Amino acid sequence: IYDESSSYKKLQTADYALFEKKYLEEYATNLKNAGMRYTYVTYQGVSALEYTFDQQGLPTKALIFLKNKKSYLLQVGTSLNLNTKYSLLKSSFVIL
């Protein structure tokens, strides 16, 4: 979780959605440049990027999104039952 509030300070409320869109587009470009495939999804009511990669040989799934002026990266790396563990993390993650 990273506090992005300083990036929002110079923006009008009406520009938040554009900032968030550009943030994800830049992240997607970085993934693409690294040779990673990604998918845009909706998570907790906001646009997000979901991607899979190997982290030091460990299969990993990740999700990045912005909400409440914070960026969130959920990531699971495991050699067993990756999809199940990832789905459990996604479904149980709660922003308080």
C-alpha atoms as a PDB file:
ATOM      1  CA  ILE A   1       0.000   0.000   0.000  1.00  0.00           C
ATOM      2  CA  TYR A   2       1.463   3.341  -1.028  1.00  0.00           C
ATOM      3  CA  ASP A   3       0.067   6.757  -0.155  1.00  0.00           C
ATOM      4  CA  GLU A   4      -0.449   8.651  -3.412  1.00  0.00           C
ATOM      5  CA  SER A   5      -2.160  11.675  -1.810  1.00  0.00           C
ATOM      6  CA  SER A   6       0.669  14.038  -2.751  1.00  0.00           C
ATOM      7  CA  SER A   7      -0.019  13.259  -6.432  1.00  0.00           C
ATOM      8  CA  TYR A   8      -3.648  14.265  -5.980  1.00  0.00           C
ATOM      9  CA  LYS A   9      -2.934  17.611  -4.245  1.00  0.00           C
ATOM     10  CA  LYS A  10      -2.549  19.590  -7.461  1.00  0.00           C
ATOM     11  CA  LEU A  11      -5.612  17.992  -9.081  1.00  0.00           C
ATOM     12  CA  GLN A  12      -9.223  19.038  -9.117  1.00  0.00           C
ATOM     13  CA  THR A  13     -11.577  16.294  -7.915  1.00  0.00           C
ATOM     14  CA  ALA A  14     -12.904  15.999 -11.474  1.00  0.00           C
ATOM     15  CA  ASP A  15      -9.390  15.026 -12.638  1.00  0.00           C
ATOM     16  CA  TYR A  16      -8.908  12.112 -10.206  1.00  0.00           C
ATOM     17  CA  ALA A  17     -10.292   9.531 -12.637  1.00  0.00           C
ATOM     18  CA  LEU A  18      -7.963  10.737 -15.398  1.00  0.00           C
ATOM     19  CA  PHE A  19      -4.961  10.581 -13.054  1.00  0.00           C
ATOM     20  CA  GLU A  20      -5.873   7.030 -12.030  1.00  0.00           C
ATOM     21  CA  LYS A  21      -6.330   5.991 -15.669  1.00  0.00           C
ATOM     22  CA  LYS A  22      -2.927   7.425 -16.611  1.00  0.00           C
ATOM     23  CA  TYR A  23      -1.315   5.777 -13.575  1.00  0.00           C
ATOM     24  CA  LEU A  24      -2.556   2.354 -14.672  1.00  0.00           C
ATOM     25  CA  GLU A  25      -1.620   3.025 -18.301  1.00  0.00           C
ATOM     26  CA  GLU A  26       1.944   3.847 -17.254  1.00  0.00           C
ATOM     27  CA  TYR A  27       2.086   0.725 -15.096  1.00  0.00           C
ATOM     28  CA  ALA A  28       0.765  -1.322 -18.036  1.00  0.00           C
ATOM     29  CA  THR A  29       3.436   0.144 -20.310  1.00  0.00           C
ATOM     30  CA  ASN A  30       6.117  -0.893 -17.817  1.00  0.00           C
ATOM     31  CA  LEU A  31       4.677  -4.420 -17.697  1.00  0.00           C
ATOM     32  CA  LYS A  32       4.566  -4.602 -21.484  1.00  0.00           C
ATOM     33  CA  ASN A  33       8.154  -3.335 -21.777  1.00  0.00           C
ATOM     34  CA  ALA A  34       9.197  -6.072 -19.330  1.00  0.00           C
ATOM     35  CA  GLY A  35       7.492  -8.661 -21.548  1.00  0.00           C
ATOM     36  CA  MET A  36       4.600  -9.294 -19.153  1.00  0.00           C
ATOM     37  CA  ARG A  37       1.010  -9.797 -20.178  1.00  0.00           C
ATOM     38  CA  TYR A  38      -1.714  -8.045 -18.239  1.00  0.00           C
ATOM     39  CA  THR A  39      -5.457  -7.619 -18.209  1.00  0.00           C
ATOM     40  CA  TYR A  40      -7.606  -4.697 -17.153  1.00  0.00           C
ATOM     41  CA  VAL A  41     -10.223  -5.814 -14.627  1.00  0.00           C
ATOM     42  CA  THR A  42     -12.589  -4.198 -12.174  1.00  0.00           C
ATOM     43  CA  TYR A  43     -11.781  -4.805  -8.528  1.00  0.00           C
ATOM     44  CA  GLN A  44     -13.682  -3.309  -5.592  1.00  0.00           C
ATOM     45  CA  GLY A  45     -15.450  -0.976  -7.999  1.00  0.00           C
ATOM     46  CA  VAL A  46     -12.324   0.487  -9.618  1.00  0.00           C
ATOM     47  CA  SER A  47     -10.196  -0.269 -12.649  1.00  0.00           C
ATOM     48  CA  ALA A  48      -7.203  -2.500 -11.938  1.00  0.00           C
ATOM     49  CA  LEU A  49      -4.424  -4.391 -13.695  1.00  0.00           C
ATOM     50  CA  GLU A  50      -4.013  -8.098 -13.166  1.00  0.00           C
ATOM     51  CA  TYR A  51      -0.895  -9.936 -14.309  1.00  0.00           C
ATOM     52  CA  THR A  52       1.083 -13.140 -13.897  1.00  0.00           C
ATOM     53  CA  PHE A  53       4.849 -13.521 -13.853  1.00  0.00           C
ATOM     54  CA  ASP A  54       7.694 -15.576 -12.422  1.00  0.00           C
ATOM     55  CA  GLN A  55       9.460 -14.018  -9.467  1.00  0.00           C
ATOM     56  CA  GLN A  56      12.842 -15.706  -9.102  1.00  0.00           C
ATOM     57  CA  GLY A  57      11.308 -18.868 -10.576  1.00  0.00           C
ATOM     58  CA  LEU A  58       8.183 -18.702  -8.414  1.00  0.00           C
ATOM     59  CA  PRO A  59       4.844 -18.401 -10.253  1.00  0.00           C
ATOM     60  CA  THR A  60       3.208 -15.155  -9.114  1.00  0.00           C
ATOM     61  CA  LYS A  61      -0.109 -13.385  -9.714  1.00  0.00           C
ATOM     62  CA  ALA A  62      -0.608  -9.719  -8.922  1.00  0.00           C
ATOM     63  CA  LEU A  63      -3.244  -7.006  -8.960  1.00  0.00           C
ATOM     64  CA  ILE A  64      -2.639  -3.251  -8.792  1.00  0.00           C
ATOM     65  CA  PHE A  65      -5.275  -0.578  -8.324  1.00  0.00           C
ATOM     66  CA  LEU A  66      -5.845   2.875  -6.848  1.00  0.00           C
ATOM     67  CA  LYS A  67      -8.511   3.670  -4.309  1.00  0.00           C
ATOM     68  CA  ASN A  68      -8.901   6.445  -1.730  1.00  0.00           C
ATOM     69  CA  LYS A  69      -5.707   8.146  -2.949  1.00  0.00           C
ATOM     70  CA  LYS A  70      -3.627   5.026  -2.306  1.00  0.00           C
ATOM     71  CA  SER A  71      -2.147   2.446  -4.655  1.00  0.00           C
ATOM     72  CA  TYR A  72      -2.519  -1.189  -3.679  1.00  0.00           C
ATOM     73  CA  LEU A  73      -0.510  -4.129  -4.953  1.00  0.00           C
ATOM     74  CA  LEU A  74      -1.830  -7.557  -4.023  1.00  0.00           C
ATOM     75  CA  GLN A  75       0.577 -10.317  -4.911  1.00  0.00           C
ATOM     76  CA  VAL A  76       0.774 -14.066  -4.332  1.00  0.00           C
ATOM     77  CA  GLY A  77       3.741 -16.215  -5.224  1.00  0.00           C
ATOM     78  CA  THR A  78       3.588 -19.968  -4.732  1.00  0.00           C
ATOM     79  CA  SER A  79       4.486 -23.177  -6.471  1.00  0.00           C
ATOM     80  CA  LEU A  80       1.240 -24.883  -5.426  1.00  0.00           C
ATOM     81  CA  ASN A  81      -2.375 -23.836  -6.092  1.00  0.00           C
ATOM     82  CA  LEU A  82      -1.525 -20.328  -7.286  1.00  0.00           C
ATOM     83  CA  ASN A  83      -4.958 -19.557  -8.731  1.00  0.00           C
ATOM     84  CA  THR A  84      -6.772 -20.747  -5.609  1.00  0.00           C
ATOM     85  CA  LYS A  85      -4.530 -18.820  -3.213  1.00  0.00           C
ATOM     86  CA  TYR A  86      -4.691 -15.708  -5.362  1.00  0.00           C
ATOM     87  CA  SER A  87      -8.483 -15.889  -5.581  1.00  0.00           C
ATOM     88  CA  LEU A  88      -8.712 -16.264  -1.805  1.00  0.00           C
ATOM     89  CA  LEU A  89      -6.544 -13.191  -1.256  1.00  0.00           C
ATOM     90  CA  LYS A  90      -8.579 -11.127  -3.730  1.00  0.00           C
ATOM     91  CA  SER A  91     -11.897 -12.151  -2.237  1.00  0.00           C
ATOM     92  CA  SER A  92     -10.827 -11.598   1.368  1.00  0.00           C
ATOM     93  CA  PHE A  93      -8.936  -8.285   0.986  1.00  0.00           C
ATOM     94  CA  VAL A  94     -10.776  -5.441   2.707  1.00  0.00           C
ATOM     95  CA  ILE A  95      -9.930  -1.757   2.799  1.00  0.00           C
ATOM     96  CA  LEU A  96     -10.758  -0.428   6.255  1.00  0.00           C
END
